Amino acid sequence: MWRASLFIFLILSGTISGMLVWQWKVYSGQIGQAKEHTVGANQQITVESLEDELKITQTVIGILPEKEYRLVIPDSLFKWKCKNGNEEACDSADENPYTFFSNDNQMIFEYVLPMNKGQKAFMLNDWTVSVPDLIVASSHITISDSFRRNGSWAAGFPLKAQKEMKHIDYYIFEGRGNTPSLYWQQKPLKKTSKNPVDIYSENQHAFNQKFEKLSTLGEIPYMSVVLTDLYQESNGKGILIAGTNTKVEKLEKMLIIQAYEKKFGFLPPKEGWLIDALASHTIEQNADTEKGNWIIRELKKEMAEDELQEFFYKLPMEDSLNTEKLDKNLSDLKGHSTRFFTLNKELNAPLVPLYFNDGKKVFISGREQKDLKLIHKKGHRLLPFKASMEALGFDVRILSGEETLLLTKGNNSYRFYLNRNVFIYNEEDYGLLENPLVDLNGTAFIEVQWLQSLFDVSVEEWDHMIKLTNSPK
């Protein structure tokens, strides 16, 4: 009996062990796929240049098998097909014509891009299939050209190889990230490298200037510059087209703008002025908008010179930028928080001056004032005037179109003016060397020291809080 039991036990143990091993292999495979997916996929694109079309094969490697992906297919692409690594049509689990999955780790897209054979030059921006849910870490582009051999190709990636054969020319471009823009023109181009920029021009010695301001940005993404009169001045993904007579100062600003655009990503037109402002400061030129010039003046007024230099020095080191990151960089430098860029990001929004929130809790007359913020402006510490005085027991009225403030408490009255260095106490005028009030975006603020000297307010302060109380008479 015991032998039968032992035999059954061994069989069950073996079965369980086998299942555990199988589950571990499956789990390990999934983890490996997830890691590969996290690192990012890569794509290989082959372009065959024919008389009236470009025949394109795009292979995306590094997708997760059996995972559905939504595809974005530009309207300019024709004869579109999706295949897996076994040359079988991609499957779709629903009725959406643009959602597919593969049974292995790759998808192959084949399509045709019609071309006008009489064109002297063209630039392709959105010319491949994109997969929004997939991070593309690198792209490799091979062009075989048997029809447009008298011209030259350029891309928003570095040119890795170029070979002229008897009946066909080959170009290989390779770089980090998703598909760059692709450019072709009828006249041959010569390439000159000026790290991290490659200059393509019809004359190899046509451009020998140095981008001195561009080098101050530190490490910036690769860019191609095409100097030509065959195509209008424009920006692409990783590529810039400019005229042959473009001055180096203008060209350098265009390059800096494009470097910032890569970091900011897509910005709506009402926020694009900010990129021009940052680039203009780098190149030491005026911005194209008055708000751009104003925002730089505000930075210069509130920041020490070394702080401003450090702020602009760190921007190129960021992988991506937005107004929140700009505010965080300012906050880290000053040790206090600000929302300066975020509040001012829309071109036509009212101007909000640069100030910093102290972060301390504010107590007035023994109560925490959660809606009151102690702020820093031009080295002064300020509190909202009306709210602070009301918390101290004063009745506050705003008169004359918000230019005059009347305060009363008991038998005492005060009258302050936003635009005059004077106040009236119990109907007597008192002149001041400076106005105790500061207008910030339509709200009157007062410096803490003026609360002490004008109203005999007692101020106690710790690292995390500030307390204001009426001094006993």
Protein backbone atom coordinates (compact mmCIF):
# COMPACT_ATOMS: atom_id res chain seq x y z
CA MET A 1 0.00 0.00 0.00
CA TRP A 2 2.74 2.40 0.99
CA ARG A 3 4.48 1.77 -2.37
CA ALA A 4 1.36 2.81 -4.27
CA SER A 5 1.09 5.95 -2.13
CA LEU A 6 4.75 6.79 -2.74
CA PHE A 7 4.31 6.27 -6.48
CA ILE A 8 1.28 8.60 -6.56
CA PHE A 9 3.19 11.18 -4.47
CA LEU A 10 6.13 11.14 -6.87
CA ILE A 11 3.84 11.54 -9.87
CA LEU A 12 2.03 14.50 -8.28
CA SER A 13 5.32 16.13 -7.21
CA GLY A 14 6.70 15.83 -10.73
CA THR A 15 3.54 17.25 -12.24
CA ILE A 16 3.50 20.20 -9.84
CA SER A 17 7.21 20.88 -10.41
CA GLY A 18 6.69 20.79 -14.16
CA MET A 19 3.81 23.24 -13.92
CA LEU A 20 5.87 25.58 -11.74
CA VAL A 21 8.77 25.48 -14.22
CA TRP A 22 6.38 26.14 -17.13
CA GLN A 23 4.74 29.05 -15.28
CA TRP A 24 8.15 30.51 -14.45
CA LYS A 25 9.20 30.35 -18.10
CA VAL A 26 5.99 32.04 -19.19
CA TYR A 27 6.35 34.68 -16.48
CA SER A 28 10.03 35.26 -17.33
CA GLY A 29 9.14 35.62 -20.99
CA GLN A 30 6.47 38.18 -20.15
CA ILE A 31 8.88 40.11 -17.96
CA GLY A 32 11.47 40.08 -20.74
CA GLN A 33 8.91 41.32 -23.24
CA ALA A 34 7.77 44.03 -20.83
CA LYS A 35 11.35 45.19 -20.33
CA GLU A 36 11.93 45.23 -24.06
CA HIS A 37 8.74 47.24 -24.49
CA THR A 38 9.77 49.66 -21.73
CA VAL A 39 13.17 50.28 -23.34
CA GLY A 40 11.43 51.02 -26.61
CA ALA A 41 10.91 49.52 -30.02
CA ASN A 42 13.01 50.21 -33.10
CA GLN A 43 12.01 50.53 -36.71
CA GLN A 44 13.67 49.86 -40.04
CA ILE A 45 12.38 51.83 -43.02
CA THR A 46 13.33 51.15 -46.62
CA VAL A 47 12.46 53.70 -49.29
CA GLU A 48 12.61 52.83 -52.97
CA SER A 49 12.57 55.98 -55.09
CA LEU A 50 10.69 55.36 -58.35
CA GLU A 51 9.57 57.71 -61.12
CA ASP A 52 6.15 58.66 -59.77
CA GLU A 53 6.14 57.20 -56.25
CA LEU A 54 8.11 56.19 -53.20
CA LYS A 55 7.65 52.54 -52.31
CA ILE A 56 8.08 52.19 -48.54
CA THR A 57 8.44 49.21 -46.19
CA GLN A 58 8.37 50.02 -42.47
CA THR A 59 9.24 47.24 -40.01
CA VAL A 60 8.55 47.96 -36.33
CA ILE A 61 10.34 45.52 -34.01
CA GLY A 62 9.75 45.27 -30.27
CA ILE A 63 5.97 45.19 -29.96
CA LEU A 64 4.18 42.92 -27.52
CA PRO A 65 2.58 39.85 -29.17
CA GLU A 66 -1.21 39.65 -28.90
CA LYS A 67 -1.43 43.25 -27.73
CA GLU A 68 -3.69 45.45 -29.82
CA TYR A 69 -2.16 48.64 -31.17
CA ARG A 70 -3.95 51.61 -32.68
CA LEU A 71 -2.28 52.81 -35.88
CA VAL A 72 -2.22 56.34 -37.26
CA ILE A 73 -2.01 56.21 -41.05
CA PRO A 74 -1.47 59.52 -42.92
CA ASP A 75 -3.98 60.19 -45.71
CA SER A 76 -1.11 60.56 -48.18
CA LEU A 77 -0.25 56.84 -48.01
CA PHE A 78 -1.77 54.45 -50.56
CA LYS A 79 -1.86 50.67 -51.14
CA TRP A 80 -1.38 50.21 -47.42
CA LYS A 81 -0.80 46.74 -45.94
CA CYS A 82 0.02 45.37 -42.49
CA LYS A 83 1.85 42.05 -42.05
CA ASN A 84 3.50 40.13 -39.24
CA GLY A 85 6.95 38.57 -39.27
CA ASN A 86 5.60 35.53 -41.12
CA GLU A 87 4.35 37.68 -44.01
CA GLU A 88 0.77 37.08 -42.87
CA ALA A 89 -1.85 39.82 -42.67
CA CYS A 90 -2.13 41.51 -39.25
CA ASP A 91 -5.16 40.49 -37.21
CA SER A 92 -7.73 42.74 -35.56
CA ALA A 93 -9.87 41.74 -32.60
CA ASP A 94 -12.60 44.29 -33.29
CA GLU A 95 -14.20 46.18 -36.14
CA ASN A 96 -11.85 49.16 -35.94
CA PRO A 97 -10.01 49.23 -39.31
CA TYR A 98 -6.93 50.88 -37.74
CA THR A 99 -6.39 48.60 -34.73
CA PHE A 100 -4.20 45.53 -35.18
CA PHE A 101 -2.07 43.02 -33.30
CA SER A 102 0.65 40.62 -34.36
CA ASN A 103 1.38 37.06 -33.20
CA ASP A 104 5.09 37.85 -32.90
CA ASN A 105 7.11 40.90 -31.83
CA GLN A 106 6.93 42.89 -35.05
CA MET A 107 4.64 44.55 -37.56
CA ILE A 108 5.50 45.27 -41.18
CA PHE A 109 3.75 48.09 -43.01
CA GLU A 110 3.95 48.40 -46.78
CA TYR A 111 2.59 51.41 -48.65
CA VAL A 112 3.17 53.82 -51.51
CA LEU A 113 3.62 57.59 -51.42
CA PRO A 114 2.71 59.16 -54.79
CA MET A 115 5.18 61.78 -56.05
CA ASN A 116 5.12 64.45 -58.72
CA LYS A 117 8.09 63.60 -60.93
CA GLY A 118 8.42 67.25 -61.99
CA GLN A 119 9.18 68.55 -58.48
CA LYS A 120 12.49 70.37 -57.95
CA ALA A 121 12.42 69.75 -54.18
CA PHE A 122 10.15 68.30 -51.50
CA MET A 123 10.11 67.67 -47.76
CA LEU A 124 8.17 64.82 -46.14
CA ASN A 125 7.06 65.34 -42.55
CA ASP A 126 4.40 62.78 -41.60
CA TRP A 127 5.27 60.10 -44.11
CA THR A 128 5.21 56.85 -42.12
CA VAL A 129 2.73 54.90 -40.01
CA SER A 130 2.86 55.80 -36.31
CA VAL A 131 1.86 53.75 -33.27
CA PRO A 132 0.89 56.21 -30.49
CA ASP A 133 1.05 53.59 -27.72
CA LEU A 134 4.59 52.55 -28.60
CA ILE A 135 7.85 54.31 -27.78
CA VAL A 136 10.22 54.15 -30.76
CA ALA A 137 13.77 54.27 -29.41
CA SER A 138 15.61 54.29 -32.74
CA SER A 139 14.99 54.40 -36.48
CA HIS A 140 17.07 53.20 -39.42
CA ILE A 141 16.25 54.51 -42.91
CA THR A 142 17.65 53.07 -46.13
CA ILE A 143 16.96 54.85 -49.43
CA SER A 144 17.59 53.23 -52.78
CA ASP A 145 17.30 55.72 -55.63
CA SER A 146 17.33 54.82 -59.28
CA PHE A 147 15.27 57.75 -60.60
CA ARG A 148 16.31 60.91 -58.65
CA ARG A 149 20.05 60.25 -58.81
CA ASN A 150 21.01 63.75 -59.98
CA GLY A 151 19.76 65.27 -56.72
CA SER A 152 20.48 64.66 -53.03
CA TRP A 153 18.65 63.38 -49.96
CA ALA A 154 18.84 64.76 -46.41
CA ALA A 155 17.00 63.78 -43.22
CA GLY A 156 16.51 64.86 -39.62
CA PHE A 157 18.92 62.06 -38.66
CA PRO A 158 22.69 61.76 -39.26
CA LEU A 159 23.77 60.38 -42.62
CA LYS A 160 25.61 57.14 -41.80
CA ALA A 161 26.50 55.98 -45.31
CA GLN A 162 26.14 57.00 -48.95
CA LYS A 163 27.08 54.89 -51.96
CA GLU A 164 26.82 55.65 -55.67
CA MET A 165 26.54 52.51 -57.80
CA LYS A 166 26.32 52.16 -61.57
CA HIS A 167 22.52 52.22 -61.75
CA ILE A 168 21.41 53.08 -58.22
CA ASP A 169 22.38 55.27 -55.25
CA TYR A 170 22.05 54.29 -51.60
CA TYR A 171 21.62 56.48 -48.48
CA ILE A 172 21.46 55.30 -44.88
CA PHE A 173 20.19 57.59 -42.08
CA GLU A 174 20.05 56.48 -38.48
CA GLY A 175 19.19 58.11 -35.17
CA ARG A 176 17.31 58.02 -31.89
CA GLY A 177 13.55 58.42 -31.78
CA ASN A 178 10.70 58.21 -34.23
CA THR A 179 10.63 58.97 -37.96
CA PRO A 180 12.36 62.25 -38.88
CA SER A 181 11.52 64.49 -41.82
CA LEU A 182 12.97 63.54 -45.21
CA TYR A 183 14.14 66.04 -47.84
CA TRP A 184 15.14 65.76 -51.49
CA GLN A 185 16.15 68.35 -54.03
CA GLN A 186 17.11 68.31 -57.68
CA LYS A 187 20.57 69.87 -57.21
CA PRO A 188 23.36 67.93 -55.47
CA LEU A 189 24.18 68.86 -51.86
CA LYS A 190 27.48 68.69 -50.01
CA LYS A 191 27.51 67.94 -46.28
CA THR A 192 29.61 69.79 -43.69
CA SER A 193 29.49 68.66 -40.06
CA LYS A 194 29.37 71.23 -37.25
CA ASN A 195 28.47 69.16 -34.21
CA PRO A 196 25.60 68.68 -33.44
CA VAL A 197 24.51 70.18 -36.78
CA ASP A 198 25.07 68.91 -40.31
CA ILE A 199 24.98 71.59 -43.00
CA TYR A 200 23.82 70.55 -46.47
CA SER A 201 24.57 73.10 -49.18
CA GLU A 202 25.23 73.20 -52.90
CA ASN A 203 28.69 74.61 -52.21
CA GLN A 204 30.72 72.71 -49.61
CA HIS A 205 32.52 75.92 -48.59
CA ALA A 206 29.44 78.15 -48.69
CA PHE A 207 29.04 78.07 -44.91
CA ASN A 208 32.05 78.17 -42.64
CA GLN A 209 30.64 80.12 -39.69
CA LYS A 210 30.57 78.81 -36.13
CA PHE A 211 27.39 78.65 -34.04
CA GLU A 212 28.87 80.19 -30.88
CA LYS A 213 25.56 80.76 -29.09
CA LEU A 214 24.27 77.31 -29.99
CA SER A 215 27.27 75.74 -28.28
CA THR A 216 26.32 77.43 -25.00
CA LEU A 217 23.18 75.27 -24.84
CA GLY A 218 25.29 72.22 -24.08
CA GLU A 219 24.00 68.89 -25.40
CA ILE A 220 21.13 69.45 -27.83
CA PRO A 221 19.37 67.07 -30.25
CA TYR A 222 20.91 66.44 -33.68
CA MET A 223 19.69 68.71 -36.48
CA SER A 224 20.21 68.95 -40.23
CA VAL A 225 20.30 72.32 -42.01
CA VAL A 226 19.71 72.60 -45.73
CA LEU A 227 20.80 75.86 -47.35
CA THR A 228 18.93 76.12 -50.63
CA ASP A 229 16.81 78.42 -52.76
CA LEU A 230 14.79 75.55 -54.24
CA TYR A 231 12.48 75.21 -51.22
CA GLN A 232 10.76 77.67 -48.90
CA GLU A 233 12.14 78.40 -45.44
CA SER A 234 10.60 75.85 -43.09
CA ASN A 235 11.07 73.52 -40.12
CA GLY A 236 10.68 69.77 -40.14
CA LYS A 237 11.33 67.02 -37.62
CA GLY A 238 15.04 67.33 -37.03
CA ILE A 239 15.60 69.37 -40.19
CA LEU A 240 15.67 73.08 -41.01
CA ILE A 241 15.44 74.62 -44.49
CA ALA A 242 16.91 78.10 -44.98
CA GLY A 243 17.95 80.27 -47.90
CA THR A 244 21.53 80.32 -49.16
CA ASN A 245 21.91 83.98 -48.08
CA THR A 246 20.52 83.52 -44.56
CA LYS A 247 22.70 85.38 -42.04
CA VAL A 248 24.38 83.27 -39.39
CA GLU A 249 22.61 85.14 -36.55
CA LYS A 250 19.16 84.38 -37.96
CA LEU A 251 20.12 80.79 -38.75
CA GLU A 252 21.47 80.23 -35.26
CA LYS A 253 18.26 81.56 -33.71
CA MET A 254 16.23 79.27 -35.97
CA LEU A 255 18.32 76.32 -34.78
CA ILE A 256 17.91 77.27 -31.11
CA ILE A 257 14.16 77.63 -31.58
CA GLN A 258 14.02 74.19 -33.15
CA ALA A 259 16.10 72.75 -30.29
CA TYR A 260 13.59 74.16 -27.79
CA GLU A 261 10.65 72.98 -29.90
CA LYS A 262 11.93 69.41 -29.65
CA LYS A 263 12.02 69.68 -25.88
CA PHE A 264 8.60 71.36 -25.55
CA GLY A 265 6.90 69.11 -28.08
CA PHE A 266 3.64 70.37 -29.54
CA LEU A 267 2.61 73.81 -28.27
CA PRO A 268 -0.58 75.58 -29.38
CA PRO A 269 0.04 78.89 -31.22
CA LYS A 270 -1.00 80.95 -28.19
CA GLU A 271 1.91 79.45 -26.21
CA GLY A 272 4.57 79.34 -28.95
CA TRP A 273 5.80 82.84 -28.08
CA LEU A 274 7.61 81.39 -25.05
CA ILE A 275 10.03 79.40 -27.21
CA ASP A 276 10.88 82.53 -29.18
CA ALA A 277 11.50 84.40 -25.90
CA LEU A 278 13.90 81.77 -24.55
CA ALA A 279 15.74 81.52 -27.88
CA SER A 280 15.98 85.31 -28.19
CA HIS A 281 17.59 85.58 -24.77
CA THR A 282 20.13 82.90 -25.71
CA ILE A 283 21.06 84.73 -28.90
CA GLU A 284 20.98 88.11 -27.06
CA GLN A 285 18.30 89.53 -29.35
CA ASN A 286 14.87 91.02 -28.79
CA ALA A 287 11.95 88.62 -28.89
CA ASP A 288 9.31 88.83 -31.60
CA THR A 289 6.58 89.61 -29.06
CA GLU A 290 6.31 92.31 -26.39
CA LYS A 291 5.32 89.65 -23.86
CA GLY A 292 8.50 87.75 -24.66
CA ASN A 293 10.59 90.86 -23.97
CA TRP A 294 8.62 91.58 -20.80
CA ILE A 295 9.09 88.09 -19.38
CA ILE A 296 12.87 88.30 -19.84
CA ARG A 297 12.89 91.72 -18.13
CA GLU A 298 10.95 90.23 -15.20
CA LEU A 299 13.49 87.43 -14.86
CA LYS A 300 16.36 89.91 -14.90
CA LYS A 301 14.68 92.07 -12.22
CA GLU A 302 13.97 89.22 -9.81
CA MET A 303 16.92 86.90 -10.41
CA ALA A 304 20.58 87.52 -9.62
CA GLU A 305 22.83 87.34 -12.68
CA ASP A 306 24.39 84.03 -11.63
CA GLU A 307 20.94 82.58 -10.91
CA LEU A 308 19.67 83.55 -14.36
CA GLN A 309 22.76 82.06 -16.01
CA GLU A 310 22.26 78.80 -14.13
CA PHE A 311 18.56 78.74 -15.07
CA PHE A 312 19.31 78.96 -18.80
CA TYR A 313 22.32 76.64 -18.47
CA LYS A 314 20.13 73.83 -17.09
CA LEU A 315 17.36 74.05 -19.70
CA PRO A 316 19.21 72.07 -22.43
CA MET A 317 19.90 69.30 -19.92
CA GLU A 318 16.18 68.56 -19.58
CA ASP A 319 14.87 65.71 -21.76
CA SER A 320 11.59 67.57 -22.11
CA LEU A 321 10.25 70.97 -21.10
CA ASN A 322 6.95 72.58 -20.18
CA THR A 323 5.93 75.61 -18.13
CA GLU A 324 5.68 73.53 -14.96
CA LYS A 325 9.32 72.42 -15.32
CA LEU A 326 10.41 76.00 -15.98
CA ASP A 327 8.66 77.04 -12.77
CA LYS A 328 10.26 74.17 -10.85
CA ASN A 329 13.73 75.20 -12.03
CA LEU A 330 13.09 78.78 -10.90
CA SER A 331 11.72 77.52 -7.57
CA ASP A 332 14.75 75.30 -6.96
CA LEU A 333 17.09 78.21 -7.59
CA LYS A 334 15.29 80.59 -5.21
CA GLY A 335 14.24 78.07 -2.57
CA HIS A 336 10.62 79.20 -2.88
CA SER A 337 7.86 78.14 -5.27
CA THR A 338 6.49 80.10 -8.23
CA ARG A 339 3.99 79.59 -11.08
CA PHE A 340 5.36 82.45 -13.17
CA PHE A 341 5.61 80.65 -16.52
CA THR A 342 2.41 78.66 -16.04
CA LEU A 343 0.34 81.76 -15.24
CA ASN A 344 1.81 83.64 -18.22
CA LYS A 345 1.88 80.86 -20.81
CA GLU A 346 -0.94 82.19 -23.00
CA LEU A 347 0.12 85.11 -25.19
CA ASN A 348 -2.97 87.27 -24.63
CA ALA A 349 -3.39 86.49 -20.92
CA PRO A 350 -2.78 89.36 -18.44
CA LEU A 351 0.83 89.77 -17.33
CA VAL A 352 1.50 88.23 -13.92
CA PRO A 353 4.74 89.54 -12.33
CA LEU A 354 7.37 87.13 -11.05
CA TYR A 355 7.09 86.43 -7.33
CA PHE A 356 7.78 83.44 -5.07
CA ASN A 357 5.60 81.82 -2.41
CA ASP A 358 7.42 81.49 0.92
CA GLY A 359 5.49 78.36 1.91
CA LYS A 360 5.15 79.35 5.56
CA LYS A 361 1.81 79.07 7.31
CA VAL A 362 0.33 82.48 8.11
CA PHE A 363 -1.36 83.07 11.48
CA ILE A 364 -3.11 86.38 12.17
CA SER A 365 -4.76 87.17 15.49
CA GLY A 366 -4.30 83.55 16.55
CA ARG A 367 -5.97 81.96 13.49
CA GLU A 368 -4.34 80.25 10.54
CA GLN A 369 -5.14 82.13 7.33
CA LYS A 370 -5.07 79.27 4.82
CA ASP A 371 -5.92 81.53 1.88
CA LEU A 372 -3.08 83.98 2.62
CA LYS A 373 0.36 83.42 1.12
CA LEU A 374 3.57 85.11 2.19
CA ILE A 375 5.39 85.95 -1.02
CA HIS A 376 8.82 87.25 -2.05
CA LYS A 377 9.22 90.02 -4.61
CA LYS A 378 12.40 92.04 -5.27
CA GLY A 379 13.84 90.88 -1.97
CA HIS A 380 10.76 92.00 -0.01
CA ARG A 381 8.29 89.81 1.87
CA LEU A 382 4.69 90.71 1.10
CA LEU A 383 1.19 89.81 2.27
CA PRO A 384 -2.17 90.58 0.61
CA PHE A 385 -3.10 93.95 2.11
CA LYS A 386 -6.92 93.83 2.26
CA ALA A 387 -7.19 90.24 3.55
CA SER A 388 -4.42 90.74 6.13
CA MET A 389 -5.93 93.95 7.51
CA GLU A 390 -9.39 92.40 7.72
CA ALA A 391 -7.90 89.48 9.69
CA LEU A 392 -6.36 92.08 12.03
CA GLY A 393 -9.83 93.53 12.70
CA PHE A 394 -9.93 96.44 10.23
CA ASP A 395 -12.80 97.30 7.94
CA VAL A 396 -11.38 97.73 4.42
CA ARG A 397 -13.09 99.41 1.48
CA ILE A 398 -11.69 99.88 -2.02
CA LEU A 399 -12.46 103.26 -3.57
CA SER A 400 -11.86 105.18 -6.80
CA GLY A 401 -11.56 102.32 -9.26
CA GLU A 402 -9.42 100.22 -6.92
CA GLU A 403 -6.73 102.91 -6.66
CA THR A 404 -7.58 103.93 -3.08
CA LEU A 405 -8.07 101.82 0.05
CA LEU A 406 -9.88 103.10 3.13
CA LEU A 407 -9.28 101.35 6.48
CA THR A 408 -11.18 101.96 9.69
CA LYS A 409 -10.94 100.45 13.15
CA GLY A 410 -12.60 102.07 16.11
CA ASN A 411 -11.91 105.83 15.97
CA ASN A 412 -8.91 105.47 13.62
CA SER A 413 -8.98 105.71 9.84
CA TYR A 414 -6.31 105.21 7.19
CA ARG A 415 -6.34 106.03 3.48
CA PHE A 416 -3.74 104.47 1.14
CA TYR A 417 -3.11 105.02 -2.57
CA LEU A 418 -1.67 102.49 -5.00
CA ASN A 419 0.01 105.23 -7.05
CA ARG A 420 1.22 107.68 -4.36
CA ASN A 421 3.91 107.58 -1.67
CA VAL A 422 1.57 109.01 0.93
CA PHE A 423 -1.13 107.87 3.34
CA ILE A 424 -3.71 109.75 5.42
CA TYR A 425 -4.13 108.91 9.09
CA ASN A 426 -7.14 110.46 10.85
CA GLU A 427 -7.32 113.13 8.11
CA GLU A 428 -3.62 114.06 8.39
CA ASP A 429 -1.24 113.49 5.44
CA TYR A 430 1.99 111.55 5.96
CA GLY A 431 4.61 111.36 3.22
CA LEU A 432 6.71 108.24 2.70
CA LEU A 433 9.96 107.61 0.86
CA GLU A 434 8.30 104.69 -0.93
CA ASN A 435 4.82 103.33 -1.42
CA PRO A 436 4.06 100.64 1.18
CA LEU A 437 1.68 98.97 -1.29
CA VAL A 438 2.60 96.86 -4.31
CA ASP A 439 0.07 96.04 -7.04
CA LEU A 440 0.48 92.45 -8.24
CA ASN A 441 -1.94 91.46 -10.97
CA GLY A 442 -4.70 93.67 -9.56
CA THR A 443 -4.19 92.76 -5.89
CA ALA A 444 -2.59 95.14 -3.40
CA PHE A 445 0.20 93.68 -1.24
CA ILE A 446 2.03 95.24 1.69
CA GLU A 447 5.51 94.52 2.99
CA VAL A 448 5.64 92.87 6.42
CA GLN A 449 7.84 95.62 7.84
CA TRP A 450 5.20 98.26 6.98
CA LEU A 451 2.65 96.35 9.04
CA GLN A 452 5.01 96.71 11.98
CA SER A 453 5.84 100.39 11.53
CA LEU A 454 2.47 101.76 10.38
CA PHE A 455 0.05 99.61 12.39
CA ASP A 456 2.20 98.53 15.32
CA VAL A 457 1.64 94.87 14.44
CA SER A 458 3.75 92.33 16.30
CA VAL A 459 5.50 89.84 14.01
CA GLU A 460 6.90 86.50 15.17
CA GLU A 461 8.51 84.11 12.73
CA TRP A 462 9.75 80.53 12.65
CA ASP A 463 10.99 78.24 9.88
CA HIS A 464 7.52 76.99 9.08
CA MET A 465 5.18 79.80 10.16
CA ILE A 466 4.73 83.54 10.69
CA LYS A 467 2.41 85.07 13.30
CA LEU A 468 0.92 88.57 13.20
CA THR A 469 -0.94 90.04 16.16
CA ASN A 470 -2.09 93.50 17.21
CA SER A 471 0.33 94.87 19.79
CA PRO A 472 -1.30 95.61 23.13
CA LYS A 473 -1.83 99.31 23.81
